[in-house]
């Protein structure tokens, strides 16, 4: 029960802060939109939305990892810096 409340409240709070809409109106609109989306599209639509979200998040992760590695001078430099500052201990 608490999880569902948080899942509805978090986007409603964001909507409230961005648009200035009353928090109760934000909660109601978020709940109605999610219910309609699931009802009309079914669970198949929800699953495909989750797949798209995972692809976007993993793509962002890999882009940030690659960009950070390039900015630090390559993977060997990243590993040596991490080892020198006791960030990784592969032998322990």
PDB file of N, CA and C in Angstrom:
ATOM      1  N   UNK A   1       0.815  -1.185   0.000  1.00  0.00           N
ATOM      2  CA  UNK A   1       0.000   0.000   0.000  1.00  0.00           C
ATOM      3  C   UNK A   1       0.870   1.264   0.000  1.00  0.00           C
ATOM      4  N   UNK A   2       1.909   1.259   0.809  1.00  0.00           N
ATOM      5  CA  UNK A   2       2.788   2.419   0.879  1.00  0.00           C
ATOM      6  C   UNK A   2       3.496   2.644  -0.454  1.00  0.00           C
ATOM      7  N   UNK A   3       3.912   1.556  -1.094  1.00  0.00           N
ATOM      8  CA  UNK A   3       4.604   1.659  -2.379  1.00  0.00           C
ATOM      9  C   UNK A   3       3.720   2.340  -3.424  1.00  0.00           C
ATOM     10  N   UNK A   4       2.465   1.938  -3.500  1.00  0.00           N
ATOM     11  CA  UNK A   4       1.544   2.521  -4.478  1.00  0.00           C
ATOM     12  C   UNK A   4       1.344   4.007  -4.209  1.00  0.00           C
ATOM     13  N   UNK A   5       1.244   4.362  -2.952  1.00  0.00           N
ATOM     14  CA  UNK A   5       1.103   5.774  -2.601  1.00  0.00           C
ATOM     15  C   UNK A   5       2.302   6.601  -3.034  1.00  0.00           C
ATOM     16  N   UNK A   6       3.488   6.064  -2.834  1.00  0.00           N
ATOM     17  CA  UNK A   6       4.706   6.772  -3.233  1.00  0.00           C
ATOM     18  C   UNK A   6       4.795   6.868  -4.752  1.00  0.00           C
ATOM     19  N   UNK A   7       4.410   5.780  -5.441  1.00  0.00           N
ATOM     20  CA  UNK A   7       4.459   5.766  -6.904  1.00  0.00           C
ATOM     21  C   UNK A   7       3.525   6.819  -7.490  1.00  0.00           C
ATOM     22  N   UNK A   8       2.394   7.064  -6.870  1.00  0.00           N
ATOM     23  CA  UNK A   8       1.463   8.090  -7.351  1.00  0.00           C
ATOM     24  C   UNK A   8       1.893   9.482  -6.876  1.00  0.00           C
ATOM     25  N   UNK A   9       2.400   9.577  -5.646  1.00  0.00           N
ATOM     26  CA  UNK A   9       2.723  10.882  -5.061  1.00  0.00           C
ATOM     27  C   UNK A   9       3.949  11.529  -5.711  1.00  0.00           C
ATOM     28  N   UNK A  10       4.971  10.751  -6.043  1.00  0.00           N
ATOM     29  CA  UNK A  10       6.213  11.318  -6.589  1.00  0.00           C
ATOM     30  C   UNK A  10       5.984  12.087  -7.891  1.00  0.00           C
ATOM     31  N   UNK A  11       5.352  11.502  -8.916  1.00  0.00           N
ATOM     32  CA  UNK A  11       5.118  12.298 -10.122  1.00  0.00           C
ATOM     33  C   UNK A  11       4.119  13.427  -9.901  1.00  0.00           C
ATOM     34  N   UNK A  12       3.170  13.229  -8.981  1.00  0.00           N
ATOM     35  CA  UNK A  12       2.214  14.304  -8.690  1.00  0.00           C
ATOM     36  C   UNK A  12       2.923  15.489  -8.049  1.00  0.00           C
ATOM     37  N   UNK A  13       3.884  15.226  -7.190  1.00  0.00           N
ATOM     38  CA  UNK A  13       4.655  16.297  -6.563  1.00  0.00           C
ATOM     39  C   UNK A  13       5.485  17.049  -7.598  1.00  0.00           C
ATOM     40  N   UNK A  14       6.074  16.319  -8.528  1.00  0.00           N
ATOM     41  CA  UNK A  14       6.832  16.959  -9.607  1.00  0.00           C
ATOM     42  C   UNK A  14       5.911  17.818 -10.461  1.00  0.00           C
ATOM     43  N   UNK A  15       4.753  17.271 -10.810  1.00  0.00           N
ATOM     44  CA  UNK A  15       3.768  18.021 -11.592  1.00  0.00           C
ATOM     45  C   UNK A  15       3.329  19.273 -10.851  1.00  0.00           C
ATOM     46  N   UNK A  16       3.152  19.165  -9.553  1.00  0.00           N
ATOM     47  CA  UNK A  16       2.772  20.306  -8.727  1.00  0.00           C
ATOM     48  C   UNK A  16       3.849  21.387  -8.752  1.00  0.00           C
ATOM     49  N   UNK A  17       5.105  20.997  -8.646  1.00  0.00           N
ATOM     50  CA  UNK A  17       6.191  21.973  -8.619  1.00  0.00           C
ATOM     51  C   UNK A  17       6.416  22.625  -9.978  1.00  0.00           C
ATOM     52  N   UNK A  18       6.250  21.868 -11.041  1.00  0.00           N
ATOM     53  CA  UNK A  18       6.509  22.395 -12.382  1.00  0.00           C
ATOM     54  C   UNK A  18       5.374  23.282 -12.864  1.00  0.00           C
ATOM     55  N   UNK A  19       4.136  22.845 -12.646  1.00  0.00           N
ATOM     56  CA  UNK A  19       2.987  23.578 -13.194  1.00  0.00           C
ATOM     57  C   UNK A  19       2.307  24.489 -12.191  1.00  0.00           C
ATOM     58  N   UNK A  20       2.541  24.287 -10.903  1.00  0.00           N
ATOM     59  CA  UNK A  20       1.851  25.075  -9.893  1.00  0.00           C
ATOM     60  C   UNK A  20       0.441  24.577  -9.619  1.00  0.00           C
ATOM     61  N   UNK A  21       0.091  23.436 -10.196  1.00  0.00           N
ATOM     62  CA  UNK A  21      -1.214  22.822  -9.995  1.00  0.00           C
ATOM     63  C   UNK A  21      -1.332  22.357  -8.547  1.00  0.00           C
ATOM     64  N   UNK A  22      -2.535  22.443  -7.982  1.00  0.00           N
ATOM     65  CA  UNK A  22      -2.781  21.996  -6.619  1.00  0.00           C
ATOM     66  C   UNK A  22      -2.360  20.536  -6.474  1.00  0.00           C
ATOM     67  N   UNK A  23      -1.817  20.166  -5.304  1.00  0.00           N
ATOM     68  CA  UNK A  23      -1.295  18.814  -5.114  1.00  0.00           C
ATOM     69  C   UNK A  23      -2.387  17.762  -5.257  1.00  0.00           C
ATOM     70  N   UNK A  24      -3.605  18.067  -4.795  1.00  0.00           N
ATOM     71  CA  UNK A  24      -4.697  17.099  -4.923  1.00  0.00           C
ATOM     72  C   UNK A  24      -5.106  16.929  -6.379  1.00  0.00           C
ATOM     73  N   UNK A  25      -5.096  18.013  -7.132  1.00  0.00           N
ATOM     74  CA  UNK A  25      -5.398  17.916  -8.565  1.00  0.00           C
ATOM     75  C   UNK A  25      -4.297  17.137  -9.283  1.00  0.00           C
ATOM     76  N   UNK A  26      -3.056  17.337  -8.851  1.00  0.00           N
ATOM     77  CA  UNK A  26      -1.939  16.589  -9.433  1.00  0.00           C
ATOM     78  C   UNK A  26      -2.054  15.100  -9.125  1.00  0.00           C
ATOM     79  N   UNK A  27      -2.404  14.774  -7.883  1.00  0.00           N
ATOM     80  CA  UNK A  27      -2.589  13.372  -7.501  1.00  0.00           C
ATOM     81  C   UNK A  27      -3.707  12.730  -8.307  1.00  0.00           C
ATOM     82  N   UNK A  28      -4.818  13.432  -8.418  1.00  0.00           N
ATOM     83  CA  UNK A  28      -5.964  12.897  -9.147  1.00  0.00           C
ATOM     84  C   UNK A  28      -5.636  12.706 -10.625  1.00  0.00           C
ATOM     85  N   UNK A  29      -5.005  13.715 -11.233  1.00  0.00           N
ATOM     86  CA  UNK A  29      -4.691  13.604 -12.660  1.00  0.00           C
ATOM     87  C   UNK A  29      -3.656  12.507 -12.919  1.00  0.00           C
ATOM     88  N   UNK A  30      -2.676  12.374 -12.045  1.00  0.00           N
ATOM     89  CA  UNK A  30      -1.687  11.308 -12.199  1.00  0.00           C
ATOM     90  C   UNK A  30      -2.343   9.935 -12.098  1.00  0.00           C
ATOM     91  N   UNK A  31      -3.192   9.757 -11.116  1.00  0.00           N
ATOM     92  CA  UNK A  31      -3.895   8.485 -10.955  1.00  0.00           C
ATOM     93  C   UNK A  31      -4.798   8.160 -12.126  1.00  0.00           C
ATOM     94  N   UNK A  32      -5.534   9.170 -12.612  1.00  0.00           N
ATOM     95  CA  UNK A  32      -6.448   8.953 -13.739  1.00  0.00           C
ATOM     96  C   UNK A  32      -5.673   8.627 -15.009  1.00  0.00           C
ATOM     97  N   UNK A  33      -4.606   9.366 -15.267  1.00  0.00           N
ATOM     98  CA  UNK A  33      -3.807   9.125 -16.477  1.00  0.00           C
ATOM     99  C   UNK A  33      -3.193   7.725 -16.449  1.00  0.00           C
ATOM    100  N   UNK A  34      -2.635   7.327 -15.318  1.00  0.00           N
ATOM    101  CA  UNK A  34      -2.031   5.985 -15.218  1.00  0.00           C
ATOM    102  C   UNK A  34      -3.079   4.892 -15.363  1.00  0.00           C
ATOM    103  N   UNK A  35      -4.247   5.097 -14.756  1.00  0.00           N
ATOM    104  CA  UNK A  35      -5.314   4.100 -14.862  1.00  0.00           C
ATOM    105  C   UNK A  35      -5.812   3.980 -16.294  1.00  0.00           C
ATOM    106  N   UNK A  36      -6.032   5.112 -16.950  1.00  0.00           N
ATOM    107  CA  UNK A  36      -6.497   5.085 -18.337  1.00  0.00           C
ATOM    108  C   UNK A  36      -5.454   4.469 -19.266  1.00  0.00           C
ATOM    109  N   UNK A  37      -4.205   4.823 -19.060  1.00  0.00           N
ATOM    110  CA  UNK A  37      -3.125   4.291 -19.896  1.00  0.00           C
ATOM    111  C   UNK A  37      -3.064   2.771 -19.792  1.00  0.00           C
ATOM    112  N   UNK A  38      -3.147   2.267 -18.564  1.00  0.00           N
ATOM    113  CA  UNK A  38      -3.098   0.821 -18.367  1.00  0.00           C
ATOM    114  C   UNK A  38      -4.352   0.144 -18.903  1.00  0.00           C
ATOM    115  N   UNK A  39      -5.510   0.786 -18.715  1.00  0.00           N
ATOM    116  CA  UNK A  39      -6.764   0.195 -19.172  1.00  0.00           C
ATOM    117  C   UNK A  39      -6.836   0.145 -20.693  1.00  0.00           C
ATOM    118  N   UNK A  40      -6.504   1.247 -21.341  1.00  0.00           N
ATOM    119  CA  UNK A  40      -6.607   1.318 -22.801  1.00  0.00           C
ATOM    120  C   UNK A  40      -5.518   0.481 -23.467  1.00  0.00           C
ATOM    121  N   UNK A  41      -4.295   0.617 -23.015  1.00  0.00           N
ATOM    122  CA  UNK A  41      -3.186  -0.087 -23.658  1.00  0.00           C
ATOM    123  C   UNK A  41      -2.963  -1.485 -23.136  1.00  0.00           C
ATOM    124  N   UNK A  42      -3.459  -1.753 -21.959  1.00  0.00           N
ATOM    125  CA  UNK A  42      -3.256  -3.061 -21.354  1.00  0.00           C
ATOM    126  C   UNK A  42      -1.852  -3.211 -20.803  1.00  0.00           C
ATOM    127  N   UNK A  43      -1.603  -4.353 -20.255  1.00  0.00           N
ATOM    128  CA  UNK A  43      -0.294  -4.613 -19.662  1.00  0.00           C
ATOM    129  C   UNK A  43       0.805  -4.667 -20.719  1.00  0.00           C
ATOM    130  N   UNK A  44       0.434  -4.985 -21.950  1.00  0.00           N
ATOM    131  CA  UNK A  44       1.424  -5.011 -23.027  1.00  0.00           C
ATOM    132  C   UNK A  44       2.029  -3.617 -23.218  1.00  0.00           C
ATOM    133  N   UNK A  45       1.203  -2.589 -23.176  1.00  0.00           N
ATOM    134  CA  UNK A  45       1.699  -1.216 -23.314  1.00  0.00           C
ATOM    135  C   UNK A  45       2.589  -0.840 -22.139  1.00  0.00           C
ATOM    136  N   UNK A  46       2.212  -1.273 -20.950  1.00  0.00           N
ATOM    137  CA  UNK A  46       3.009  -0.973 -19.761  1.00  0.00           C
ATOM    138  C   UNK A  46       4.370  -1.658 -19.855  1.00  0.00           C
ATOM    139  N   UNK A  47       4.386  -2.902 -20.287  1.00  0.00           N
ATOM    140  CA  UNK A  47       5.647  -3.636 -20.411  1.00  0.00           C
ATOM    141  C   UNK A  47       6.542  -2.984 -21.457  1.00  0.00           C
ATOM    142  N   UNK A  48       5.981  -2.585 -22.598  1.00  0.00           N
ATOM    143  CA  UNK A  48       6.796  -1.939 -23.634  1.00  0.00           C
ATOM    144  C   UNK A  48       7.324  -0.586 -23.161  1.00  0.00           C
ATOM    145  N   UNK A  49       6.546   0.119 -22.354  1.00  0.00           N
ATOM    146  CA  UNK A  49       7.032   1.374 -21.776  1.00  0.00           C
ATOM    147  C   UNK A  49       8.193   1.099 -20.832  1.00  0.00           C
ATOM    148  N   UNK A  50       8.099   0.045 -20.043  1.00  0.00           N
ATOM    149  CA  UNK A  50       9.199  -0.330 -19.153  1.00  0.00           C
ATOM    150  C   UNK A  50      10.448  -0.717 -19.938  1.00  0.00           C
ATOM    151  N   UNK A  51      10.270  -1.427 -21.029  1.00  0.00           N
ATOM    152  CA  UNK A  51      11.408  -1.799 -21.878  1.00  0.00           C
ATOM    153  C   UNK A  51      12.084  -0.548 -22.428  1.00  0.00           C
ATOM    154  N   UNK A  52      11.291   0.393 -22.916  1.00  0.00           N
ATOM    155  CA  UNK A  52      11.839   1.645 -23.442  1.00  0.00           C
ATOM    156  C   UNK A  52      12.592   2.405 -22.351  1.00  0.00           C
ATOM    157  N   UNK A  53      12.036   2.436 -21.145  1.00  0.00           N
ATOM    158  CA  UNK A  53      12.688   3.130 -20.039  1.00  0.00           C
ATOM    159  C   UNK A  53      14.028   2.484 -19.699  1.00  0.00           C
ATOM    160  N   UNK A  54      14.096   1.169 -19.690  1.00  0.00           N
ATOM    161  CA  UNK A  54      15.355   0.473 -19.408  1.00  0.00           C
ATOM    162  C   UNK A  54      16.388   0.780 -20.485  1.00  0.00           C
ATOM    163  N   UNK A  55      15.965   0.791 -21.740  1.00  0.00           N
ATOM    164  CA  UNK A  55      16.891   1.095 -22.837  1.00  0.00           C
ATOM    165  C   UNK A  55      17.443   2.508 -22.692  1.00  0.00           C
ATOM    166  N   UNK A  56      16.586   3.470 -22.376  1.00  0.00           N
ATOM    167  CA  UNK A  56      17.029   4.855 -22.204  1.00  0.00           C
ATOM    168  C   UNK A  56      17.999   4.965 -21.029  1.00  0.00           C
ATOM    169  N   UNK A  57      17.675   4.328 -19.914  1.00  0.00           N
ATOM    170  CA  UNK A  57      18.537   4.421 -18.735  1.00  0.00           C
ATOM    171  C   UNK A  57      19.890   3.748 -18.963  1.00  0.00           C
ATOM    172  N   UNK A  58      19.892   2.565 -19.561  1.00  0.00           N
ATOM    173  CA  UNK A  58      21.162   1.887 -19.823  1.00  0.00           C
ATOM    174  C   UNK A  58      21.998   2.631 -20.859  1.00  0.00           C
ATOM    175  N   UNK A  59      21.342   3.217 -21.855  1.00  0.00           N
ATOM    176  CA  UNK A  59      22.070   4.015 -22.850  1.00  0.00           C
ATOM    177  C   UNK A  59      22.737   5.209 -22.184  1.00  0.00           C
ATOM    178  N   UNK A  60      22.014   5.877 -21.317  1.00  0.00           N
ATOM    179  CA  UNK A  60      22.586   7.002 -20.584  1.00  0.00           C
ATOM    180  C   UNK A  60      23.760   6.581 -19.721  1.00  0.00           C
ATOM    181  N   UNK A  61      23.627   5.445 -19.059  1.00  0.00           N
ATOM    182  CA  UNK A  61      24.714   4.921 -18.234  1.00  0.00           C
ATOM    183  C   UNK A  61      25.968   4.684 -19.063  1.00  0.00           C
ATOM    184  N   UNK A  62      25.810   4.021 -20.207  1.00  0.00           N
ATOM    185  CA  UNK A  62      26.965   3.703 -21.046  1.00  0.00           C
ATOM    186  C   UNK A  62      27.592   4.952 -21.652  1.00  0.00           C
ATOM    187  N   UNK A  63      26.768   5.936 -22.018  1.00  0.00           N
ATOM    188  CA  UNK A  63      27.302   7.192 -22.565  1.00  0.00           C
ATOM    189  C   UNK A  63      28.110   7.927 -21.500  1.00  0.00           C
ATOM    190  N   UNK A  64      27.584   7.999 -20.284  1.00  0.00           N
ATOM    191  CA  UNK A  64      28.300   8.671 -19.200  1.00  0.00           C
ATOM    192  C   UNK A  64      29.591   7.928 -18.868  1.00  0.00           C
ATOM    193  N   UNK A  65      29.534   6.605 -18.827  1.00  0.00           N
ATOM    194  CA  UNK A  65      30.729   5.808 -18.554  1.00  0.00           C
ATOM    195  C   UNK A  65      31.790   6.014 -19.631  1.00  0.00           C
ATOM    196  N   UNK A  66      31.382   5.990 -20.890  1.00  0.00           N
ATOM    197  CA  UNK A  66      32.329   6.174 -21.991  1.00  0.00           C
ATOM    198  C   UNK A  66      32.906   7.583 -21.984  1.00  0.00           C
ATOM    199  N   UNK A  67      32.065   8.571 -21.801  1.00  0.00           N
ATOM    200  CA  UNK A  67      32.531   9.969 -21.800  1.00  0.00           C
ATOM    201  C   UNK A  67      33.498  10.218 -20.644  1.00  0.00           C
ATOM    202  N   UNK A  68      33.169   9.710 -19.472  1.00  0.00           N
ATOM    203  CA  UNK A  68      34.056   9.869 -18.322  1.00  0.00           C
ATOM    204  C   UNK A  68      35.388   9.176 -18.522  1.00  0.00           C
ATOM    205  N   UNK A  69      35.356   8.007 -19.129  1.00  0.00           N
ATOM    206  CA  UNK A  69      36.593   7.272 -19.396  1.00  0.00           C
ATOM    207  C   UNK A  69      37.469   8.023 -20.388  1.00  0.00           C
ATOM    208  N   UNK A  70      36.863   8.582 -21.425  1.00  0.00           N
ATOM    209  CA  UNK A  70      37.621   9.353 -22.417  1.00  0.00           C
ATOM    210  C   UNK A  70      38.209  10.606 -21.775  1.00  0.00           C
ATOM    211  N   UNK A  71      37.427  11.302 -20.961  1.00  0.00           N
ATOM    212  CA  UNK A  71      37.923  12.517 -20.313  1.00  0.00           C
ATOM    213  C   UNK A  71      39.063  12.234 -19.336  1.00  0.00           C
ATOM    214  N   UNK A  72      39.080  11.041 -18.747  1.00  0.00           N
ATOM    215  CA  UNK A  72      40.129  10.691 -17.790  1.00  0.00           C
ATOM    216  C   UNK A  72      41.370  10.105 -18.458  1.00  0.00           C
ATOM    217  N   UNK A  73      41.338   9.919 -19.768  1.00  0.00           N
ATOM    218  CA  UNK A  73      42.528   9.448 -20.465  1.00  0.00           C
ATOM    219  C   UNK A  73      42.533   7.970 -20.791  1.00  0.00           C
ATOM    220  N   UNK A  74      41.411   7.333 -20.742  1.00  0.00           N
ATOM    221  CA  UNK A  74      41.322   5.924 -21.117  1.00  0.00           C
ATOM    222  C   UNK A  74      41.088   5.015 -19.922  1.00  0.00           C
ATOM    223  N   UNK A  75      40.720   3.769 -20.214  1.00  0.00           N
ATOM    224  CA  UNK A  75      40.376   2.841 -19.125  1.00  0.00           C
ATOM    225  C   UNK A  75      41.554   2.491 -18.221  1.00  0.00           C
ATOM    226  N   UNK A  76      42.768   2.414 -18.778  1.00  0.00           N
ATOM    227  CA  UNK A  76      43.919   2.068 -17.940  1.00  0.00           C
ATOM    228  C   UNK A  76      44.225   3.192 -16.969  1.00  0.00           C
ATOM    229  N   UNK A  77      44.058   4.428 -17.403  1.00  0.00           N
ATOM    230  CA  UNK A  77      44.278   5.562 -16.514  1.00  0.00           C
ATOM    231  C   UNK A  77      43.221   5.589 -15.409  1.00  0.00           C
ATOM    232  N   UNK A  78      41.986   5.282 -15.758  1.00  0.00           N
ATOM    233  CA  UNK A  78      40.913   5.238 -14.759  1.00  0.00           C
ATOM    234  C   UNK A  78      41.220   4.173 -13.712  1.00  0.00           C
ATOM    235  N   UNK A  79      41.622   2.981 -14.172  1.00  0.00           N
ATOM    236  CA  UNK A  79      41.938   1.904 -13.230  1.00  0.00           C
ATOM    237  C   UNK A  79      43.139   2.236 -12.353  1.00  0.00           C
ATOM    238  N   UNK A  80      44.171   2.853 -12.927  1.00  0.00           N
ATOM    239  CA  UNK A  80      45.346   3.191 -12.115  1.00  0.00           C
ATOM    240  C   UNK A  80      45.016   4.277 -11.099  1.00  0.00           C
ATOM    241  N   UNK A  81      44.216   5.259 -11.488  1.00  0.00           N
ATOM    242  CA  UNK A  81      43.797   6.281 -10.526  1.00  0.00           C
ATOM    243  C   UNK A  81      42.963   5.676  -9.403  1.00  0.00           C
ATOM    244  N   UNK A  82      42.062   4.785  -9.746  1.00  0.00           N
ATOM    245  CA  UNK A  82      41.229   4.140  -8.733  1.00  0.00           C
ATOM    246  C   UNK A  82      42.077   3.283  -7.798  1.00  0.00           C
ATOM    247  N   UNK A  83      43.039   2.569  -8.360  1.00  0.00           N
ATOM    248  CA  UNK A  83      43.913   1.725  -7.547  1.00  0.00           C
ATOM    249  C   UNK A  83      44.794   2.573  -6.633  1.00  0.00           C
ATOM    250  N   UNK A  84      45.336   3.679  -7.147  1.00  0.00           N
ATOM    251  CA  UNK A  84      46.216   4.545  -6.356  1.00  0.00           C
ATOM    252  C   UNK A  84      45.483   5.233  -5.212  1.00  0.00           C
ATOM    253  N   UNK A  85      44.213   5.454  -5.367  1.00  0.00           N
ATOM    254  CA  UNK A  85      43.434   6.126  -4.322  1.00  0.00           C
ATOM    255  C   UNK A  85      42.584   5.141  -3.517  1.00  0.00           C
ATOM    256  N   UNK A  86      42.933   3.871  -3.565  1.00  0.00           N
ATOM    257  CA  UNK A  86      42.279   2.803  -2.788  1.00  0.00           C
ATOM    258  C   UNK A  86      40.776   2.724  -3.033  1.00  0.00           C
ATOM    259  N   UNK A  87      40.369   2.925  -4.271  1.00  0.00           N
ATOM    260  CA  UNK A  87      38.955   2.805  -4.623  1.00  0.00           C
ATOM    261  C   UNK A  87      38.584   1.379  -4.984  1.00  0.00           C
ATOM    262  N   UNK A  88      39.550   0.630  -5.485  1.00  0.00           N
ATOM    263  CA  UNK A  88      39.299  -0.782  -5.772  1.00  0.00           C
ATOM    264  C   UNK A  88      40.446  -1.593  -5.197  1.00  0.00           C
ATOM    265  N   UNK A  89      40.111  -2.690  -4.608  1.00  0.00           N
ATOM    266  CA  UNK A  89      41.107  -3.615  -4.083  1.00  0.00           C
ATOM    267  C   UNK A  89      40.761  -4.994  -4.621  1.00  0.00           C
ATOM    268  N   UNK A  90      41.328  -5.341  -5.760  1.00  0.00           N
ATOM    269  CA  UNK A  90      40.990  -6.601  -6.401  1.00  0.00           C
ATOM    270  C   UNK A  90      41.590  -7.805  -5.689  1.00  0.00           C
ATOM    271  N   UNK A  91      42.633  -7.608  -4.916  1.00  0.00           N
ATOM    272  CA  UNK A  91      43.312  -8.724  -4.269  1.00  0.00           C
ATOM    273  C   UNK A  91      42.788  -8.997  -2.864  1.00  0.00           C
ATOM    274  N   UNK A  92      41.930  -8.185  -2.349  1.00  0.00           N
ATOM    275  CA  UNK A  92      41.432  -8.376  -0.971  1.00  0.00           C
ATOM    276  C   UNK A  92      40.063  -8.964  -0.946  1.00  0.00           C
TER     277      UNK A  92
END
